[in-house]
Amino acid sequence: MSTNAPKVLGYDEQSRIERARERAKTVDGLMGLRGQRILEVGCGHGDFCKVLAEEYDCEVVGTEVLPYEDWKEIRSPQLTLLQMDIAKEQHFPENHFDRIVSFVVWEHMRHPWSALKECQRILAPTGKKYLHAYLYGAPRLSHLHYLVPDPWLHLTHSPREIMQRIDKNELPWYFWCNRVSYLHYLQYFRKLGFYVAYENIIREPFPEKHYQENEQLLGLYSEYDLRMHGFQVVLVFDERFPKEALDDAVYSKLVRGDRQR
């Protein structure tokens, strides 16, 4: 029997800190975090911010739409935790942060474009943004797979039907997600002047049998989107023209009249 199985982390404080350290190590390797002024959008308990402030010598701000009770237990002169909605408030000066990070938050936003636009405004021209998000077509986007293992539950059942299946009078907040696809994100990045410097598309085994059994409903969605669970990207600006919209290669070729045959 193998003894090298990955450790499964829970949600107690120590497990959360271990997870935050793993995330910090990964993102630091992708875009460098040490000594930077950093914003985490959707900071939750503040664990990732705490690790950056105490172990990476960063000046860190974490934001969350609703505050967490354990924020008051975090003490660090280099860490600030704020209750705010970045999609609706312009709290920070322009070009203020060296790095912006977020983990599985954007899919829950009601105004994802506005939030990205604000990040573009407050990120320095030489800054970088790490974005990890799930997608609407993901088989487990409902976040209820621990109760109902059916893939694409949110696409094949109404909220009322799901509440009946889990025997609840309401659905948890994390069930509700926006319908932004990865192609939407790529278009948003282009309009805001972001290049994708790193990309990891997260995929899981495709539940072919379940798809065929529910094709009448699932066939309404692009199979391309249904095969994508989520993504991780690092975004950067053009060095010469930071924050200017990038050319769309498809349209520019048509306009020039030199479409390839």
C-alpha atoms as a PDB file:
ATOM      1  CA  MET A   1       0.000   0.000   0.000  1.00  0.00           C
ATOM      2  CA  SER A   2       1.366   3.408  -0.936  1.00  0.00           C
ATOM      3  CA  THR A   3       2.147   5.798   1.890  1.00  0.00           C
ATOM      4  CA  ASN A   4       2.619   8.811  -0.399  1.00  0.00           C
ATOM      5  CA  ALA A   5      -1.026   9.792  -0.782  1.00  0.00           C
ATOM      6  CA  PRO A   6      -1.530  13.581  -0.628  1.00  0.00           C
ATOM      7  CA  LYS A   7      -2.610  14.904   2.727  1.00  0.00           C
ATOM      8  CA  VAL A   8      -6.266  15.894   2.829  1.00  0.00           C
ATOM      9  CA  LEU A   9      -6.598  19.242   4.564  1.00  0.00           C
ATOM     10  CA  GLY A  10      -9.673  20.089   6.599  1.00  0.00           C
ATOM     11  CA  TYR A  11     -11.096  23.467   7.552  1.00  0.00           C
ATOM     12  CA  ASP A  12      -9.714  23.873  11.053  1.00  0.00           C
ATOM     13  CA  GLU A  13      -7.334  26.796  11.580  1.00  0.00           C
ATOM     14  CA  GLN A  14      -4.129  24.780  11.249  1.00  0.00           C
ATOM     15  CA  SER A  15      -5.311  23.099   8.046  1.00  0.00           C
ATOM     16  CA  ARG A  16      -6.288  26.467   6.604  1.00  0.00           C
ATOM     17  CA  ILE A  17      -2.832  27.883   7.362  1.00  0.00           C
ATOM     18  CA  GLU A  18      -1.170  24.877   5.710  1.00  0.00           C
ATOM     19  CA  ARG A  19      -3.343  25.386   2.647  1.00  0.00           C
ATOM     20  CA  ALA A  20      -2.459  29.094   2.631  1.00  0.00           C
ATOM     21  CA  ARG A  21       1.254  28.253   2.748  1.00  0.00           C
ATOM     22  CA  GLU A  22       0.870  25.877  -0.193  1.00  0.00           C
ATOM     23  CA  ARG A  23      -0.960  28.545  -2.169  1.00  0.00           C
ATOM     24  CA  ALA A  24       1.672  31.160  -1.321  1.00  0.00           C
ATOM     25  CA  LYS A  25       4.464  28.868  -2.459  1.00  0.00           C
ATOM     26  CA  THR A  26       2.691  28.157  -5.746  1.00  0.00           C
ATOM     27  CA  VAL A  27       1.836  31.769  -6.559  1.00  0.00           C
ATOM     28  CA  ASP A  28       5.256  33.018  -5.450  1.00  0.00           C
ATOM     29  CA  GLY A  29       6.786  30.625  -7.964  1.00  0.00           C
ATOM     30  CA  LEU A  30       4.529  31.969 -10.709  1.00  0.00           C
ATOM     31  CA  MET A  31       4.870  35.719 -10.236  1.00  0.00           C
ATOM     32  CA  GLY A  32       6.962  36.550  -7.172  1.00  0.00           C
ATOM     33  CA  LEU A  33       5.353  37.742  -3.939  1.00  0.00           C
ATOM     34  CA  ARG A  34       8.122  38.564  -1.483  1.00  0.00           C
ATOM     35  CA  GLY A  35       8.278  42.179  -0.386  1.00  0.00           C
ATOM     36  CA  GLN A  36       5.380  43.221  -2.630  1.00  0.00           C
ATOM     37  CA  ARG A  37       2.285  45.293  -1.878  1.00  0.00           C
ATOM     38  CA  ILE A  38      -0.507  42.777  -2.380  1.00  0.00           C
ATOM     39  CA  LEU A  39      -4.299  42.738  -2.507  1.00  0.00           C
ATOM     40  CA  GLU A  40      -6.263  39.528  -2.008  1.00  0.00           C
ATOM     41  CA  VAL A  41      -9.824  39.803  -3.286  1.00  0.00           C
ATOM     42  CA  GLY A  42     -12.081  37.489  -1.279  1.00  0.00           C
ATOM     43  CA  CYS A  43      -9.719  36.814   1.609  1.00  0.00           C
ATOM     44  CA  GLY A  44     -12.091  34.709   3.719  1.00  0.00           C
ATOM     45  CA  HIS A  45     -10.595  34.068   7.153  1.00  0.00           C
ATOM     46  CA  GLY A  46      -7.468  36.009   6.177  1.00  0.00           C
ATOM     47  CA  ASP A  47      -5.100  33.018   6.294  1.00  0.00           C
ATOM     48  CA  PHE A  48      -3.355  33.687   2.973  1.00  0.00           C
ATOM     49  CA  CYS A  49      -2.925  37.370   3.856  1.00  0.00           C
ATOM     50  CA  LYS A  50      -1.500  36.417   7.245  1.00  0.00           C
ATOM     51  CA  VAL A  51       1.060  34.073   5.680  1.00  0.00           C
ATOM     52  CA  LEU A  52       2.175  36.747   3.195  1.00  0.00           C
ATOM     53  CA  ALA A  53       2.509  39.417   5.867  1.00  0.00           C
ATOM     54  CA  GLU A  54       4.374  37.259   8.382  1.00  0.00           C
ATOM     55  CA  GLU A  55       6.425  34.934   6.162  1.00  0.00           C
ATOM     56  CA  TYR A  56       6.897  36.827   2.871  1.00  0.00           C
ATOM     57  CA  ASP A  57       7.471  40.362   4.203  1.00  0.00           C
ATOM     58  CA  CYS A  58       4.541  41.716   2.202  1.00  0.00           C
ATOM     59  CA  GLU A  59       2.287  44.697   2.815  1.00  0.00           C
ATOM     60  CA  VAL A  60      -1.100  43.024   2.405  1.00  0.00           C
ATOM     61  CA  VAL A  61      -4.727  44.088   2.134  1.00  0.00           C
ATOM     62  CA  GLY A  62      -7.522  41.518   2.127  1.00  0.00           C
ATOM     63  CA  THR A  63     -11.105  42.314   1.153  1.00  0.00           C
ATOM     64  CA  GLU A  64     -14.326  40.415   1.707  1.00  0.00           C
ATOM     65  CA  VAL A  65     -17.972  41.358   1.153  1.00  0.00           C
ATOM     66  CA  LEU A  66     -18.840  40.162   4.671  1.00  0.00           C
ATOM     67  CA  PRO A  67     -16.367  40.187   7.589  1.00  0.00           C
ATOM     68  CA  TYR A  68     -15.246  37.033   9.400  1.00  0.00           C
ATOM     69  CA  GLU A  69     -15.396  36.724  13.176  1.00  0.00           C
ATOM     70  CA  ASP A  70     -11.781  35.567  13.472  1.00  0.00           C
ATOM     71  CA  TRP A  71     -10.387  38.682  11.756  1.00  0.00           C
ATOM     72  CA  LYS A  72     -10.047  40.290  15.172  1.00  0.00           C
ATOM     73  CA  GLU A  73      -7.593  37.574  16.203  1.00  0.00           C
ATOM     74  CA  ILE A  74      -5.133  38.457  13.428  1.00  0.00           C
ATOM     75  CA  ARG A  75      -2.512  40.955  14.518  1.00  0.00           C
ATOM     76  CA  SER A  76       0.076  42.181  12.020  1.00  0.00           C
ATOM     77  CA  PRO A  77       1.282  45.727  11.274  1.00  0.00           C
ATOM     78  CA  GLN A  78       1.610  44.796   7.587  1.00  0.00           C
ATOM     79  CA  LEU A  79      -1.912  43.405   7.202  1.00  0.00           C
ATOM     80  CA  THR A  80      -5.260  45.141   6.753  1.00  0.00           C
ATOM     81  CA  LEU A  81      -8.573  43.291   6.342  1.00  0.00           C
ATOM     82  CA  LEU A  82     -11.486  45.285   4.922  1.00  0.00           C
ATOM     83  CA  GLN A  83     -15.181  44.657   4.427  1.00  0.00           C
ATOM     84  CA  MET A  84     -15.934  45.960   0.944  1.00  0.00           C
ATOM     85  CA  ASP A  85     -17.171  44.986  -2.511  1.00  0.00           C
ATOM     86  CA  ILE A  86     -14.414  45.729  -5.007  1.00  0.00           C
ATOM     87  CA  ALA A  87     -16.938  45.661  -7.854  1.00  0.00           C
ATOM     88  CA  LYS A  88     -18.817  48.615  -6.349  1.00  0.00           C
ATOM     89  CA  GLU A  89     -16.255  50.662  -4.374  1.00  0.00           C
ATOM     90  CA  GLN A  90     -13.157  52.567  -5.442  1.00  0.00           C
ATOM     91  CA  HIS A  91     -11.356  52.410  -2.126  1.00  0.00           C
ATOM     92  CA  PHE A  92      -7.737  52.368  -3.326  1.00  0.00           C
ATOM     93  CA  PRO A  93      -5.660  54.830  -5.360  1.00  0.00           C
ATOM     94  CA  GLU A  94      -4.812  54.137  -8.978  1.00  0.00           C
ATOM     95  CA  ASN A  95      -1.759  51.884  -9.599  1.00  0.00           C
ATOM     96  CA  HIS A  96      -1.573  51.063  -5.878  1.00  0.00           C
ATOM     97  CA  PHE A  97      -0.757  47.329  -5.809  1.00  0.00           C
ATOM     98  CA  ASP A  98       2.169  45.298  -7.143  1.00  0.00           C
ATOM     99  CA  ARG A  99       0.195  42.043  -7.071  1.00  0.00           C
ATOM    100  CA  ILE A 100      -3.489  41.086  -6.900  1.00  0.00           C
ATOM    101  CA  VAL A 101      -4.575  37.532  -6.117  1.00  0.00           C
ATOM    102  CA  SER A 102      -7.860  35.678  -5.742  1.00  0.00           C
ATOM    103  CA  PHE A 103      -8.817  32.058  -5.219  1.00  0.00           C
ATOM    104  CA  VAL A 104     -12.216  30.650  -6.328  1.00  0.00           C
ATOM    105  CA  VAL A 105     -14.015  33.951  -5.733  1.00  0.00           C
ATOM    106  CA  TRP A 106     -14.828  35.386  -9.164  1.00  0.00           C
ATOM    107  CA  GLU A 107     -17.431  32.739  -9.982  1.00  0.00           C
ATOM    108  CA  HIS A 108     -19.522  33.964  -7.012  1.00  0.00           C
ATOM    109  CA  MET A 109     -19.431  37.652  -8.011  1.00  0.00           C
ATOM    110  CA  ARG A 110     -22.544  39.386  -9.289  1.00  0.00           C
ATOM    111  CA  HIS A 111     -20.464  41.961 -11.170  1.00  0.00           C
ATOM    112  CA  PRO A 112     -17.351  40.089 -12.369  1.00  0.00           C
ATOM    113  CA  TRP A 113     -16.552  42.558 -15.172  1.00  0.00           C
ATOM    114  CA  SER A 114     -16.701  45.562 -12.836  1.00  0.00           C
ATOM    115  CA  ALA A 115     -14.442  43.785 -10.348  1.00  0.00           C
ATOM    116  CA  LEU A 116     -11.856  43.020 -13.049  1.00  0.00           C
ATOM    117  CA  LYS A 117     -12.039  46.599 -14.267  1.00  0.00           C
ATOM    118  CA  GLU A 118     -11.314  47.900 -10.767  1.00  0.00           C
ATOM    119  CA  CYS A 119      -8.372  45.510 -10.441  1.00  0.00           C
ATOM    120  CA  GLN A 120      -6.990  46.897 -13.684  1.00  0.00           C
ATOM    121  CA  ARG A 121      -7.273  50.432 -12.286  1.00  0.00           C
ATOM    122  CA  ILE A 122      -5.504  49.756  -8.975  1.00  0.00           C
ATOM    123  CA  LEU A 123      -2.805  47.400 -10.289  1.00  0.00           C
ATOM    124  CA  ALA A 124       0.533  49.025 -11.097  1.00  0.00           C
ATOM    125  CA  PRO A 125       1.532  49.074 -14.807  1.00  0.00           C
ATOM    126  CA  THR A 126       4.303  46.589 -13.980  1.00  0.00           C
ATOM    127  CA  GLY A 127       2.041  44.588 -11.663  1.00  0.00           C
ATOM    128  CA  LYS A 128       0.681  41.072 -12.012  1.00  0.00           C
ATOM    129  CA  LYS A 129      -2.650  39.463 -11.182  1.00  0.00           C
ATOM    130  CA  TYR A 130      -3.232  35.821 -10.258  1.00  0.00           C
ATOM    131  CA  LEU A 131      -6.788  34.623 -10.820  1.00  0.00           C
ATOM    132  CA  HIS A 132      -8.108  31.153  -9.963  1.00  0.00           C
ATOM    133  CA  ALA A 133     -11.795  30.621 -10.706  1.00  0.00           C
ATOM    134  CA  TYR A 134     -14.317  27.882 -11.380  1.00  0.00           C
ATOM    135  CA  LEU A 135     -16.602  28.025 -14.416  1.00  0.00           C
ATOM    136  CA  TYR A 136     -20.363  27.723 -14.870  1.00  0.00           C
ATOM    137  CA  GLY A 137     -20.142  24.583 -16.987  1.00  0.00           C
ATOM    138  CA  ALA A 138     -18.065  22.713 -14.417  1.00  0.00           C
ATOM    139  CA  PRO A 139     -19.634  19.368 -13.430  1.00  0.00           C
ATOM    140  CA  ARG A 140     -19.266  20.138  -9.715  1.00  0.00           C
ATOM    141  CA  LEU A 141     -19.966  23.863  -9.702  1.00  0.00           C
ATOM    142  CA  SER A 142     -22.996  23.389  -7.447  1.00  0.00           C
ATOM    143  CA  HIS A 143     -20.535  22.740  -4.560  1.00  0.00           C
ATOM    144  CA  LEU A 144     -23.045  20.161  -3.351  1.00  0.00           C
ATOM    145  CA  HIS A 145     -21.309  17.025  -4.647  1.00  0.00           C
ATOM    146  CA  TYR A 146     -20.717  15.889  -1.063  1.00  0.00           C
ATOM    147  CA  LEU A 147     -24.515  15.633  -0.706  1.00  0.00           C
ATOM    148  CA  VAL A 148     -25.566  14.795  -4.276  1.00  0.00           C
ATOM    149  CA  PRO A 149     -22.832  13.244  -6.456  1.00  0.00           C
ATOM    150  CA  ASP A 150     -24.612  13.934  -9.773  1.00  0.00           C
ATOM    151  CA  PRO A 151     -22.476  16.080 -12.105  1.00  0.00           C
ATOM    152  CA  TRP A 152     -23.973  19.310 -13.492  1.00  0.00           C
ATOM    153  CA  LEU A 153     -26.630  19.317 -10.800  1.00  0.00           C
ATOM    154  CA  HIS A 154     -27.048  23.088 -11.240  1.00  0.00           C
ATOM    155  CA  LEU A 155     -27.779  22.623 -14.961  1.00  0.00           C
ATOM    156  CA  THR A 156     -30.151  19.655 -14.824  1.00  0.00           C
ATOM    157  CA  HIS A 157     -32.255  20.559 -11.770  1.00  0.00           C
ATOM    158  CA  SER A 158     -34.122  23.652 -10.628  1.00  0.00           C
ATOM    159  CA  PRO A 159     -33.233  25.208  -7.240  1.00  0.00           C
ATOM    160  CA  ARG A 160     -36.493  23.841  -5.822  1.00  0.00           C
ATOM    161  CA  GLU A 161     -35.676  20.322  -7.009  1.00  0.00           C
ATOM    162  CA  ILE A 162     -32.192  20.558  -5.506  1.00  0.00           C
ATOM    163  CA  MET A 163     -33.559  21.738  -2.154  1.00  0.00           C
ATOM    164  CA  GLN A 164     -35.876  18.737  -2.143  1.00  0.00           C
ATOM    165  CA  ARG A 165     -32.979  16.375  -2.875  1.00  0.00           C
ATOM    166  CA  ILE A 166     -30.821  17.736  -0.051  1.00  0.00           C
ATOM    167  CA  ASP A 167     -33.818  18.192   2.274  1.00  0.00           C
ATOM    168  CA  LYS A 168     -33.188  21.890   2.897  1.00  0.00           C
ATOM    169  CA  ASN A 169     -35.425  24.952   2.799  1.00  0.00           C
ATOM    170  CA  GLU A 170     -32.739  27.073   1.162  1.00  0.00           C
ATOM    171  CA  LEU A 171     -29.526  26.642  -0.756  1.00  0.00           C
ATOM    172  CA  PRO A 172     -26.156  27.712   0.700  1.00  0.00           C
ATOM    173  CA  TRP A 173     -24.647  30.954  -0.601  1.00  0.00           C
ATOM    174  CA  TYR A 174     -21.821  29.135  -2.361  1.00  0.00           C
ATOM    175  CA  PHE A 175     -24.311  27.360  -4.655  1.00  0.00           C
ATOM    176  CA  TRP A 176     -24.995  30.598  -6.508  1.00  0.00           C
ATOM    177  CA  CYS A 177     -22.501  31.338  -9.285  1.00  0.00           C
ATOM    178  CA  ASN A 178     -22.418  33.633 -12.293  1.00  0.00           C
ATOM    179  CA  ARG A 179     -22.469  32.343 -15.869  1.00  0.00           C
ATOM    180  CA  VAL A 180     -19.171  33.741 -17.088  1.00  0.00           C
ATOM    181  CA  SER A 181     -17.401  31.290 -19.395  1.00  0.00           C
ATOM    182  CA  TYR A 182     -13.667  31.122 -20.006  1.00  0.00           C
ATOM    183  CA  LEU A 183     -14.133  32.714 -23.416  1.00  0.00           C
ATOM    184  CA  HIS A 184     -15.867  35.626 -21.676  1.00  0.00           C
ATOM    185  CA  TYR A 185     -12.894  35.972 -19.336  1.00  0.00           C
ATOM    186  CA  LEU A 186     -10.447  36.009 -22.241  1.00  0.00           C
ATOM    187  CA  GLN A 187     -12.443  38.774 -23.900  1.00  0.00           C
ATOM    188  CA  TYR A 188     -12.494  40.763 -20.646  1.00  0.00           C
ATOM    189  CA  PHE A 189      -8.724  40.359 -20.263  1.00  0.00           C
ATOM    190  CA  ARG A 190      -8.161  41.651 -23.798  1.00  0.00           C
ATOM    191  CA  LYS A 191     -10.385  44.696 -23.308  1.00  0.00           C
ATOM    192  CA  LEU A 192      -8.577  45.584 -20.068  1.00  0.00           C
ATOM    193  CA  GLY A 193      -5.113  45.246 -21.605  1.00  0.00           C
ATOM    194  CA  PHE A 194      -4.147  42.008 -19.858  1.00  0.00           C
ATOM    195  CA  TYR A 195      -1.927  39.421 -21.488  1.00  0.00           C
ATOM    196  CA  VAL A 196      -2.152  35.865 -20.138  1.00  0.00           C
ATOM    197  CA  ALA A 197       1.418  35.142 -19.051  1.00  0.00           C
ATOM    198  CA  TYR A 198       0.543  31.781 -17.471  1.00  0.00           C
ATOM    199  CA  GLU A 199      -2.475  29.537 -18.007  1.00  0.00           C
ATOM    200  CA  ASN A 200      -3.591  26.300 -16.412  1.00  0.00           C
ATOM    201  CA  ILE A 201      -6.943  24.917 -17.540  1.00  0.00           C
ATOM    202  CA  ILE A 202      -8.396  22.643 -14.858  1.00  0.00           C
ATOM    203  CA  ARG A 203     -10.197  19.610 -16.244  1.00  0.00           C
ATOM    204  CA  GLU A 204     -11.690  16.494 -14.701  1.00  0.00           C
ATOM    205  CA  PRO A 205     -12.738  13.190 -16.302  1.00  0.00           C
ATOM    206  CA  PHE A 206     -15.791  13.869 -18.449  1.00  0.00           C
ATOM    207  CA  PRO A 207     -18.920  12.024 -17.161  1.00  0.00           C
ATOM    208  CA  GLU A 208     -19.859  10.749 -20.616  1.00  0.00           C
ATOM    209  CA  LYS A 209     -22.646   8.418 -19.489  1.00  0.00           C
ATOM    210  CA  HIS A 210     -24.347  11.093 -17.381  1.00  0.00           C
ATOM    211  CA  TYR A 211     -23.992  13.558 -20.245  1.00  0.00           C
ATOM    212  CA  GLN A 212     -25.690  11.181 -22.687  1.00  0.00           C
ATOM    213  CA  GLU A 213     -28.503  10.449 -20.213  1.00  0.00           C
ATOM    214  CA  ASN A 214     -29.151  14.180 -19.781  1.00  0.00           C
ATOM    215  CA  GLU A 215     -28.255  15.422 -23.242  1.00  0.00           C
ATOM    216  CA  GLN A 216     -31.646  17.017 -23.772  1.00  0.00           C
ATOM    217  CA  LEU A 217     -30.707  19.579 -21.093  1.00  0.00           C
ATOM    218  CA  LEU A 218     -26.925  19.526 -21.218  1.00  0.00           C
ATOM    219  CA  GLY A 219     -26.912  19.789 -25.007  1.00  0.00           C
ATOM    220  CA  LEU A 220     -28.058  23.397 -24.581  1.00  0.00           C
ATOM    221  CA  TYR A 221     -24.548  24.201 -23.324  1.00  0.00           C
ATOM    222  CA  SER A 222     -21.307  24.109 -25.240  1.00  0.00           C
ATOM    223  CA  GLU A 223     -19.439  20.859 -24.680  1.00  0.00           C
ATOM    224  CA  TYR A 224     -16.277  22.973 -24.723  1.00  0.00           C
ATOM    225  CA  ASP A 225     -17.512  24.715 -21.546  1.00  0.00           C
ATOM    226  CA  LEU A 226     -18.813  21.533 -19.939  1.00  0.00           C
ATOM    227  CA  ARG A 227     -15.342  20.003 -20.169  1.00  0.00           C
ATOM    228  CA  MET A 228     -13.703  22.893 -18.283  1.00  0.00           C
ATOM    229  CA  HIS A 229     -13.742  22.837 -14.501  1.00  0.00           C
ATOM    230  CA  GLY A 230     -11.837  26.059 -13.940  1.00  0.00           C
ATOM    231  CA  PHE A 231      -8.643  27.933 -14.666  1.00  0.00           C
ATOM    232  CA  GLN A 232      -5.613  29.597 -13.133  1.00  0.00           C
ATOM    233  CA  VAL A 233      -3.962  32.510 -14.913  1.00  0.00           C
ATOM    234  CA  VAL A 234      -1.313  35.145 -14.315  1.00  0.00           C
ATOM    235  CA  LEU A 235      -2.140  38.429 -16.040  1.00  0.00           C
ATOM    236  CA  VAL A 236       0.314  41.177 -17.038  1.00  0.00           C
ATOM    237  CA  PHE A 237       0.155  44.419 -18.995  1.00  0.00           C
ATOM    238  CA  ASP A 238       1.992  45.325 -22.182  1.00  0.00           C
ATOM    239  CA  GLU A 239       5.293  46.975 -21.245  1.00  0.00           C
ATOM    240  CA  ARG A 240       4.953  49.802 -23.790  1.00  0.00           C
ATOM    241  CA  PHE A 241       1.227  50.455 -23.582  1.00  0.00           C
ATOM    242  CA  PRO A 242       0.023  49.211 -20.181  1.00  0.00           C
ATOM    243  CA  LYS A 243      -3.713  49.034 -19.598  1.00  0.00           C
ATOM    244  CA  GLU A 244      -4.599  49.712 -23.239  1.00  0.00           C
ATOM    245  CA  ALA A 245      -6.998  47.274 -24.900  1.00  0.00           C
ATOM    246  CA  LEU A 246      -5.244  44.588 -26.916  1.00  0.00           C
ATOM    247  CA  ASP A 247      -5.939  43.962 -30.588  1.00  0.00           C
ATOM    248  CA  ASP A 248      -8.246  41.091 -31.370  1.00  0.00           C
ATOM    249  CA  ALA A 249      -6.413  38.990 -33.958  1.00  0.00           C
ATOM    250  CA  VAL A 250      -9.632  37.633 -35.454  1.00  0.00           C
ATOM    251  CA  TYR A 251     -11.129  41.030 -36.208  1.00  0.00           C
ATOM    252  CA  SER A 252      -7.885  42.725 -37.167  1.00  0.00           C
ATOM    253  CA  LYS A 253      -7.218  40.143 -39.908  1.00  0.00           C
ATOM    254  CA  LEU A 254     -10.684  40.606 -41.375  1.00  0.00           C
ATOM    255  CA  VAL A 255     -10.382  44.389 -41.342  1.00  0.00           C
ATOM    256  CA  ARG A 256      -7.013  44.302 -43.093  1.00  0.00           C
ATOM    257  CA  GLY A 257      -8.425  42.008 -45.737  1.00  0.00           C
ATOM    258  CA  ASP A 258      -5.606  39.498 -45.398  1.00  0.00           C
ATOM    259  CA  ARG A 259      -7.575  36.587 -43.968  1.00  0.00           C
ATOM    260  CA  GLN A 260      -5.688  33.362 -44.485  1.00  0.00           C
ATOM    261  CA  ARG A 261      -7.169  30.997 -47.067  1.00  0.00           C
END
